[in-house]
Amino acid sequence: MKNLRKLSRTNLKEIQGGAFTGLCHGEIITVDNAPGAGMPYDCGCNTLIWCESLSACIQRGQFSSSSCKIKEL
């Protein structure tokens, strides 16, 4: 932590990168537009993936097979 220096305004403007992925945002799908159980859904962005149990397109990093699959009764 000692080697951190105070960044000037110009330095901050030059920093690039981060988690912003362009126009790819998660979206909630209405019941009318939701695919049937087990059917794929195109979220329209390569960083998003369909989560059945949430009926939503979520970021790939948030996907887990245990929380995004519909559980059988």
PDB file of N, CA and C in Angstrom:
ATOM      1  N   MET A   1       0.817  -1.197   0.000  1.00  0.00           N
ATOM      2  CA  MET A   1       0.000   0.000   0.000  1.00  0.00           C
ATOM      3  C   MET A   1       0.860   1.260   0.000  1.00  0.00           C
ATOM      4  N   LYS A   2       2.128   1.149   0.428  1.00  0.00           N
ATOM      5  CA  LYS A   2       2.975   2.334   0.474  1.00  0.00           C
ATOM      6  C   LYS A   2       3.285   2.856  -0.922  1.00  0.00           C
ATOM      7  N   ASN A   3       3.334   1.960  -1.935  1.00  0.00           N
ATOM      8  CA  ASN A   3       3.703   2.421  -3.261  1.00  0.00           C
ATOM      9  C   ASN A   3       2.537   3.019  -4.043  1.00  0.00           C
ATOM     10  N   LEU A   4       1.375   3.100  -3.483  1.00  0.00           N
ATOM     11  CA  LEU A   4       0.274   3.747  -4.195  1.00  0.00           C
ATOM     12  C   LEU A   4       0.483   5.253  -4.172  1.00  0.00           C
ATOM     13  N   ARG A   5       0.305   5.865  -5.316  1.00  0.00           N
ATOM     14  CA  ARG A   5       0.440   7.314  -5.373  1.00  0.00           C
ATOM     15  C   ARG A   5      -0.904   7.925  -5.729  1.00  0.00           C
ATOM     16  N   LYS A   6      -1.035   9.165  -5.423  1.00  0.00           N
ATOM     17  CA  LYS A   6      -2.275   9.857  -5.747  1.00  0.00           C
ATOM     18  C   LYS A   6      -2.352  10.035  -7.263  1.00  0.00           C
ATOM     19  N   LEU A   7      -3.449   9.594  -7.848  1.00  0.00           N
ATOM     20  CA  LEU A   7      -3.622   9.699  -9.292  1.00  0.00           C
ATOM     21  C   LEU A   7      -4.183  11.065  -9.659  1.00  0.00           C
ATOM     22  N   SER A   8      -3.631  11.622 -10.712  1.00  0.00           N
ATOM     23  CA  SER A   8      -4.153  12.905 -11.181  1.00  0.00           C
ATOM     24  C   SER A   8      -5.420  12.663 -12.000  1.00  0.00           C
ATOM     25  N   ARG A   9      -6.123  13.718 -12.273  1.00  0.00           N
ATOM     26  CA  ARG A   9      -7.357  13.628 -13.060  1.00  0.00           C
ATOM     27  C   ARG A   9      -7.066  13.037 -14.446  1.00  0.00           C
ATOM     28  N   THR A  10      -5.949  13.416 -15.033  1.00  0.00           N
ATOM     29  CA  THR A  10      -5.563  12.902 -16.351  1.00  0.00           C
ATOM     30  C   THR A  10      -5.309  11.402 -16.283  1.00  0.00           C
ATOM     31  N   ASN A  11      -4.625  10.943 -15.235  1.00  0.00           N
ATOM     32  CA  ASN A  11      -4.368   9.511 -15.080  1.00  0.00           C
ATOM     33  C   ASN A  11      -5.670   8.731 -14.990  1.00  0.00           C
ATOM     34  N   LEU A  12      -6.626   9.250 -14.258  1.00  0.00           N
ATOM     35  CA  LEU A  12      -7.901   8.555 -14.095  1.00  0.00           C
ATOM     36  C   LEU A  12      -8.649   8.451 -15.423  1.00  0.00           C
ATOM     37  N   LYS A  13      -8.561   9.486 -16.252  1.00  0.00           N
ATOM     38  CA  LYS A  13      -9.236   9.462 -17.551  1.00  0.00           C
ATOM     39  C   LYS A  13      -8.606   8.445 -18.498  1.00  0.00           C
ATOM     40  N   GLU A  14      -7.319   8.141 -18.298  1.00  0.00           N
ATOM     41  CA  GLU A  14      -6.617   7.209 -19.172  1.00  0.00           C
ATOM     42  C   GLU A  14      -6.883   5.749 -18.821  1.00  0.00           C
ATOM     43  N   ILE A  15      -7.416   5.489 -17.649  1.00  0.00           N
ATOM     44  CA  ILE A  15      -7.668   4.113 -17.220  1.00  0.00           C
ATOM     45  C   ILE A  15      -8.786   3.526 -18.068  1.00  0.00           C
ATOM     46  N   GLN A  16      -8.545   2.329 -18.595  1.00  0.00           N
ATOM     47  CA  GLN A  16      -9.542   1.653 -19.408  1.00  0.00           C
ATOM     48  C   GLN A  16      -9.793   0.274 -18.834  1.00  0.00           C
ATOM     49  N   GLY A  17     -10.906  -0.309 -19.226  1.00  0.00           N
ATOM     50  CA  GLY A  17     -11.235  -1.649 -18.743  1.00  0.00           C
ATOM     51  C   GLY A  17     -12.388  -1.586 -17.766  1.00  0.00           C
ATOM     52  N   GLY A  18     -12.539  -2.618 -16.971  1.00  0.00           N
ATOM     53  CA  GLY A  18     -13.621  -2.670 -16.007  1.00  0.00           C
ATOM     54  C   GLY A  18     -14.638  -3.710 -16.393  1.00  0.00           C
ATOM     55  N   ALA A  19     -15.736  -3.739 -15.686  1.00  0.00           N
ATOM     56  CA  ALA A  19     -16.737  -4.781 -15.875  1.00  0.00           C
ATOM     57  C   ALA A  19     -17.840  -4.385 -16.848  1.00  0.00           C
ATOM     58  N   PHE A  20     -17.854  -3.160 -17.327  1.00  0.00           N
ATOM     59  CA  PHE A  20     -18.912  -2.739 -18.238  1.00  0.00           C
ATOM     60  C   PHE A  20     -18.778  -3.493 -19.551  1.00  0.00           C
ATOM     61  N   THR A  21     -19.850  -4.106 -20.011  1.00  0.00           N
ATOM     62  CA  THR A  21     -19.791  -4.947 -21.208  1.00  0.00           C
ATOM     63  C   THR A  21     -20.586  -4.354 -22.364  1.00  0.00           C
ATOM     64  N   GLY A  22     -20.528  -3.061 -22.538  1.00  0.00           N
ATOM     65  CA  GLY A  22     -21.261  -2.444 -23.646  1.00  0.00           C
ATOM     66  C   GLY A  22     -22.740  -2.368 -23.346  1.00  0.00           C
ATOM     67  N   LEU A  23     -23.549  -2.758 -24.300  1.00  0.00           N
ATOM     68  CA  LEU A  23     -24.994  -2.659 -24.141  1.00  0.00           C
ATOM     69  C   LEU A  23     -25.613  -3.948 -23.624  1.00  0.00           C
ATOM     70  N   CYS A  24     -24.827  -4.820 -23.050  1.00  0.00           N
ATOM     71  CA  CYS A  24     -25.330  -6.099 -22.550  1.00  0.00           C
ATOM     72  C   CYS A  24     -25.745  -5.961 -21.092  1.00  0.00           C
ATOM     73  N   HIS A  25     -27.013  -5.874 -20.865  1.00  0.00           N
ATOM     74  CA  HIS A  25     -27.538  -5.766 -19.507  1.00  0.00           C
ATOM     75  C   HIS A  25     -28.492  -6.923 -19.266  1.00  0.00           C
ATOM     76  N   GLY A  26     -28.605  -7.353 -18.017  1.00  0.00           N
ATOM     77  CA  GLY A  26     -29.566  -8.391 -17.681  1.00  0.00           C
ATOM     78  C   GLY A  26     -30.976  -7.897 -17.950  1.00  0.00           C
ATOM     79  N   GLU A  27     -31.860  -8.798 -18.222  1.00  0.00           N
ATOM     80  CA  GLU A  27     -33.237  -8.395 -18.491  1.00  0.00           C
ATOM     81  C   GLU A  27     -34.202  -9.426 -17.917  1.00  0.00           C
ATOM     82  N   ILE A  28     -35.345  -8.939 -17.493  1.00  0.00           N
ATOM     83  CA  ILE A  28     -36.406  -9.812 -17.008  1.00  0.00           C
ATOM     84  C   ILE A  28     -37.319 -10.123 -18.191  1.00  0.00           C
ATOM     85  N   ILE A  29     -37.663 -11.391 -18.352  1.00  0.00           N
ATOM     86  CA  ILE A  29     -38.510 -11.826 -19.461  1.00  0.00           C
ATOM     87  C   ILE A  29     -39.933 -12.009 -18.940  1.00  0.00           C
ATOM     88  N   THR A  30     -40.913 -11.472 -19.654  1.00  0.00           N
ATOM     89  CA  THR A  30     -42.305 -11.622 -19.230  1.00  0.00           C
ATOM     90  C   THR A  30     -42.761 -13.060 -19.451  1.00  0.00           C
ATOM     91  N   VAL A  31     -43.823 -13.441 -18.788  1.00  0.00           N
ATOM     92  CA  VAL A  31     -44.351 -14.803 -18.892  1.00  0.00           C
ATOM     93  C   VAL A  31     -44.725 -15.126 -20.332  1.00  0.00           C
ATOM     94  N   ASP A  32     -45.259 -14.157 -21.045  1.00  0.00           N
ATOM     95  CA  ASP A  32     -45.657 -14.369 -22.436  1.00  0.00           C
ATOM     96  C   ASP A  32     -44.464 -14.670 -23.348  1.00  0.00           C
ATOM     97  N   ASN A  33     -43.311 -14.090 -23.042  1.00  0.00           N
ATOM     98  CA  ASN A  33     -42.126 -14.257 -23.887  1.00  0.00           C
ATOM     99  C   ASN A  33     -41.183 -15.357 -23.417  1.00  0.00           C
ATOM    100  N   ALA A  34     -41.426 -15.911 -22.248  1.00  0.00           N
ATOM    101  CA  ALA A  34     -40.517 -16.919 -21.688  1.00  0.00           C
ATOM    102  C   ALA A  34     -40.601 -18.222 -22.479  1.00  0.00           C
ATOM    103  N   PRO A  35     -39.465 -18.874 -22.700  1.00  0.00           N
ATOM    104  CA  PRO A  35     -39.491 -20.169 -23.392  1.00  0.00           C
ATOM    105  C   PRO A  35     -40.018 -21.257 -22.465  1.00  0.00           C
ATOM    106  N   GLY A  36     -40.405 -22.377 -23.029  1.00  0.00           N
ATOM    107  CA  GLY A  36     -40.874 -23.498 -22.222  1.00  0.00           C
ATOM    108  C   GLY A  36     -39.740 -24.098 -21.400  1.00  0.00           C
ATOM    109  N   ALA A  37     -40.086 -24.921 -20.430  1.00  0.00           N
ATOM    110  CA  ALA A  37     -39.084 -25.546 -19.560  1.00  0.00           C
ATOM    111  C   ALA A  37     -38.092 -26.352 -20.386  1.00  0.00           C
ATOM    112  N   GLY A  38     -36.818 -26.138 -20.136  1.00  0.00           N
ATOM    113  CA  GLY A  38     -35.775 -26.857 -20.845  1.00  0.00           C
ATOM    114  C   GLY A  38     -35.442 -26.313 -22.223  1.00  0.00           C
ATOM    115  N   MET A  39     -36.169 -25.301 -22.673  1.00  0.00           N
ATOM    116  CA  MET A  39     -35.926 -24.723 -23.995  1.00  0.00           C
ATOM    117  C   MET A  39     -34.880 -23.612 -23.887  1.00  0.00           C
ATOM    118  N   PRO A  40     -34.023 -23.470 -24.889  1.00  0.00           N
ATOM    119  CA  PRO A  40     -33.018 -22.402 -24.857  1.00  0.00           C
ATOM    120  C   PRO A  40     -33.652 -21.045 -25.160  1.00  0.00           C
ATOM    121  N   TYR A  41     -32.975 -19.995 -24.778  1.00  0.00           N
ATOM    122  CA  TYR A  41     -33.448 -18.637 -25.054  1.00  0.00           C
ATOM    123  C   TYR A  41     -32.241 -17.803 -25.460  1.00  0.00           C
ATOM    124  N   ASP A  42     -32.358 -17.054 -26.526  1.00  0.00           N
ATOM    125  CA  ASP A  42     -31.273 -16.193 -26.987  1.00  0.00           C
ATOM    126  C   ASP A  42     -31.379 -14.850 -26.281  1.00  0.00           C
ATOM    127  N   CYS A  43     -30.426 -14.569 -25.431  1.00  0.00           N
ATOM    128  CA  CYS A  43     -30.442 -13.323 -24.668  1.00  0.00           C
ATOM    129  C   CYS A  43     -29.946 -12.131 -25.486  1.00  0.00           C
ATOM    130  N   GLY A  44     -29.432 -12.379 -26.675  1.00  0.00           N
ATOM    131  CA  GLY A  44     -29.030 -11.293 -27.548  1.00  0.00           C
ATOM    132  C   GLY A  44     -27.664 -10.701 -27.250  1.00  0.00           C
ATOM    133  N   CYS A  45     -26.893 -11.347 -26.406  1.00  0.00           N
ATOM    134  CA  CYS A  45     -25.570 -10.847 -26.056  1.00  0.00           C
ATOM    135  C   CYS A  45     -24.712 -12.034 -25.630  1.00  0.00           C
ATOM    136  N   ASN A  46     -23.460 -12.065 -26.068  1.00  0.00           N
ATOM    137  CA  ASN A  46     -22.636 -13.231 -25.761  1.00  0.00           C
ATOM    138  C   ASN A  46     -22.189 -13.317 -24.302  1.00  0.00           C
ATOM    139  N   THR A  47     -22.384 -12.263 -23.509  1.00  0.00           N
ATOM    140  CA  THR A  47     -22.014 -12.334 -22.095  1.00  0.00           C
ATOM    141  C   THR A  47     -23.197 -12.700 -21.202  1.00  0.00           C
ATOM    142  N   LEU A  48     -24.396 -12.836 -21.793  1.00  0.00           N
ATOM    143  CA  LEU A  48     -25.582 -13.177 -21.017  1.00  0.00           C
ATOM    144  C   LEU A  48     -25.986 -14.617 -21.269  1.00  0.00           C
ATOM    145  N   ILE A  49     -26.576 -15.239 -20.260  1.00  0.00           N
ATOM    146  CA  ILE A  49     -27.029 -16.620 -20.368  1.00  0.00           C
ATOM    147  C   ILE A  49     -28.410 -16.722 -19.714  1.00  0.00           C
ATOM    148  N   TRP A  50     -29.251 -17.595 -20.245  1.00  0.00           N
ATOM    149  CA  TRP A  50     -30.621 -17.765 -19.759  1.00  0.00           C
ATOM    150  C   TRP A  50     -30.627 -18.526 -18.438  1.00  0.00           C
ATOM    151  N   CYS A  51     -31.342 -18.006 -17.449  1.00  0.00           N
ATOM    152  CA  CYS A  51     -31.523 -18.660 -16.150  1.00  0.00           C
ATOM    153  C   CYS A  51     -33.001 -19.011 -16.018  1.00  0.00           C
ATOM    154  N   GLU A  52     -33.306 -20.309 -16.126  1.00  0.00           N
ATOM    155  CA  GLU A  52     -34.706 -20.761 -16.130  1.00  0.00           C
ATOM    156  C   GLU A  52     -35.465 -20.371 -14.872  1.00  0.00           C
ATOM    157  N   SER A  53     -34.891 -20.652 -13.712  1.00  0.00           N
ATOM    158  CA  SER A  53     -35.637 -20.442 -12.470  1.00  0.00           C
ATOM    159  C   SER A  53     -35.889 -18.967 -12.180  1.00  0.00           C
ATOM    160  N   LEU A  54     -35.050 -18.071 -12.696  1.00  0.00           N
ATOM    161  CA  LEU A  54     -35.263 -16.639 -12.507  1.00  0.00           C
ATOM    162  C   LEU A  54     -36.052 -16.017 -13.655  1.00  0.00           C
ATOM    163  N   SER A  55     -36.223 -16.765 -14.750  1.00  0.00           N
ATOM    164  CA  SER A  55     -36.829 -16.231 -15.979  1.00  0.00           C
ATOM    165  C   SER A  55     -36.149 -14.934 -16.378  1.00  0.00           C
ATOM    166  N   ALA A  56     -34.818 -14.981 -16.415  1.00  0.00           N
ATOM    167  CA  ALA A  56     -34.050 -13.783 -16.713  1.00  0.00           C
ATOM    168  C   ALA A  56     -32.752 -14.134 -17.419  1.00  0.00           C
ATOM    169  N   CYS A  57     -32.243 -13.168 -18.157  1.00  0.00           N
ATOM    170  CA  CYS A  57     -30.906 -13.280 -18.729  1.00  0.00           C
ATOM    171  C   CYS A  57     -29.941 -12.672 -17.717  1.00  0.00           C
ATOM    172  N   ILE A  58     -28.924 -13.427 -17.349  1.00  0.00           N
ATOM    173  CA  ILE A  58     -27.966 -12.962 -16.346  1.00  0.00           C
ATOM    174  C   ILE A  58     -26.556 -13.058 -16.910  1.00  0.00           C
ATOM    175  N   GLN A  59     -25.614 -12.380 -16.275  1.00  0.00           N
ATOM    176  CA  GLN A  59     -24.213 -12.452 -16.684  1.00  0.00           C
ATOM    177  C   GLN A  59     -23.688 -13.865 -16.470  1.00  0.00           C
ATOM    178  N   ARG A  60     -22.818 -14.328 -17.352  1.00  0.00           N
ATOM    179  CA  ARG A  60     -22.278 -15.689 -17.263  1.00  0.00           C
ATOM    180  C   ARG A  60     -21.614 -15.956 -15.913  1.00  0.00           C
ATOM    181  N   GLY A  61     -20.982 -14.968 -15.331  1.00  0.00           N
ATOM    182  CA  GLY A  61     -20.312 -15.135 -14.044  1.00  0.00           C
ATOM    183  C   GLY A  61     -21.272 -15.377 -12.893  1.00  0.00           C
ATOM    184  N   GLN A  62     -22.530 -15.001 -13.055  1.00  0.00           N
ATOM    185  CA  GLN A  62     -23.528 -15.191 -12.005  1.00  0.00           C
ATOM    186  C   GLN A  62     -24.269 -16.508 -12.142  1.00  0.00           C
ATOM    187  N   PHE A  63     -24.047 -17.227 -13.244  1.00  0.00           N
ATOM    188  CA  PHE A  63     -24.776 -18.466 -13.501  1.00  0.00           C
ATOM    189  C   PHE A  63     -24.225 -19.604 -12.658  1.00  0.00           C
ATOM    190  N   SER A  64     -25.120 -20.348 -12.034  1.00  0.00           N
ATOM    191  CA  SER A  64     -24.734 -21.605 -11.385  1.00  0.00           C
ATOM    192  C   SER A  64     -25.834 -22.605 -11.697  1.00  0.00           C
ATOM    193  N   SER A  65     -25.427 -23.812 -12.063  1.00  0.00           N
ATOM    194  CA  SER A  65     -26.412 -24.807 -12.489  1.00  0.00           C
ATOM    195  C   SER A  65     -27.364 -25.178 -11.356  1.00  0.00           C
ATOM    196  N   SER A  66     -26.931 -25.023 -10.108  1.00  0.00           N
ATOM    197  CA  SER A  66     -27.816 -25.369  -8.994  1.00  0.00           C
ATOM    198  C   SER A  66     -28.921 -24.334  -8.789  1.00  0.00           C
ATOM    199  N   SER A  67     -28.654 -23.070  -9.092  1.00  0.00           N
ATOM    200  CA  SER A  67     -29.673 -22.044  -8.857  1.00  0.00           C
ATOM    201  C   SER A  67     -30.443 -21.645 -10.112  1.00  0.00           C
ATOM    202  N   CYS A  68     -29.998 -22.047 -11.286  1.00  0.00           N
ATOM    203  CA  CYS A  68     -30.666 -21.615 -12.511  1.00  0.00           C
ATOM    204  C   CYS A  68     -31.398 -22.720 -13.251  1.00  0.00           C
ATOM    205  N   LYS A  69     -31.556 -23.859 -12.672  1.00  0.00           N
ATOM    206  CA  LYS A  69     -32.330 -24.929 -13.297  1.00  0.00           C
ATOM    207  C   LYS A  69     -33.619 -25.110 -12.512  1.00  0.00           C
ATOM    208  N   ILE A  70     -34.707 -25.396 -13.218  1.00  0.00           N
ATOM    209  CA  ILE A  70     -35.973 -25.658 -12.539  1.00  0.00           C
ATOM    210  C   ILE A  70     -35.887 -27.033 -11.899  1.00  0.00           C
ATOM    211  N   LYS A  71     -36.175 -27.076 -10.628  1.00  0.00           N
ATOM    212  CA  LYS A  71     -36.087 -28.338  -9.897  1.00  0.00           C
ATOM    213  C   LYS A  71     -37.368 -29.140 -10.066  1.00  0.00           C
ATOM    214  N   GLU A  72     -37.226 -30.424 -10.267  1.00  0.00           N
ATOM    215  CA  GLU A  72     -38.384 -31.312 -10.414  1.00  0.00           C
ATOM    216  C   GLU A  72     -39.066 -31.488  -9.063  1.00  0.00           C
ATOM    217  N   LEU A  73     -40.384 -31.533  -9.063  1.00  0.00           N
ATOM    218  CA  LEU A  73     -41.134 -31.731  -7.811  1.00  0.00           C
ATOM    219  C   LEU A  73     -41.205 -33.183  -7.448  1.00  0.00           C
TER     220      LEU A  73
END
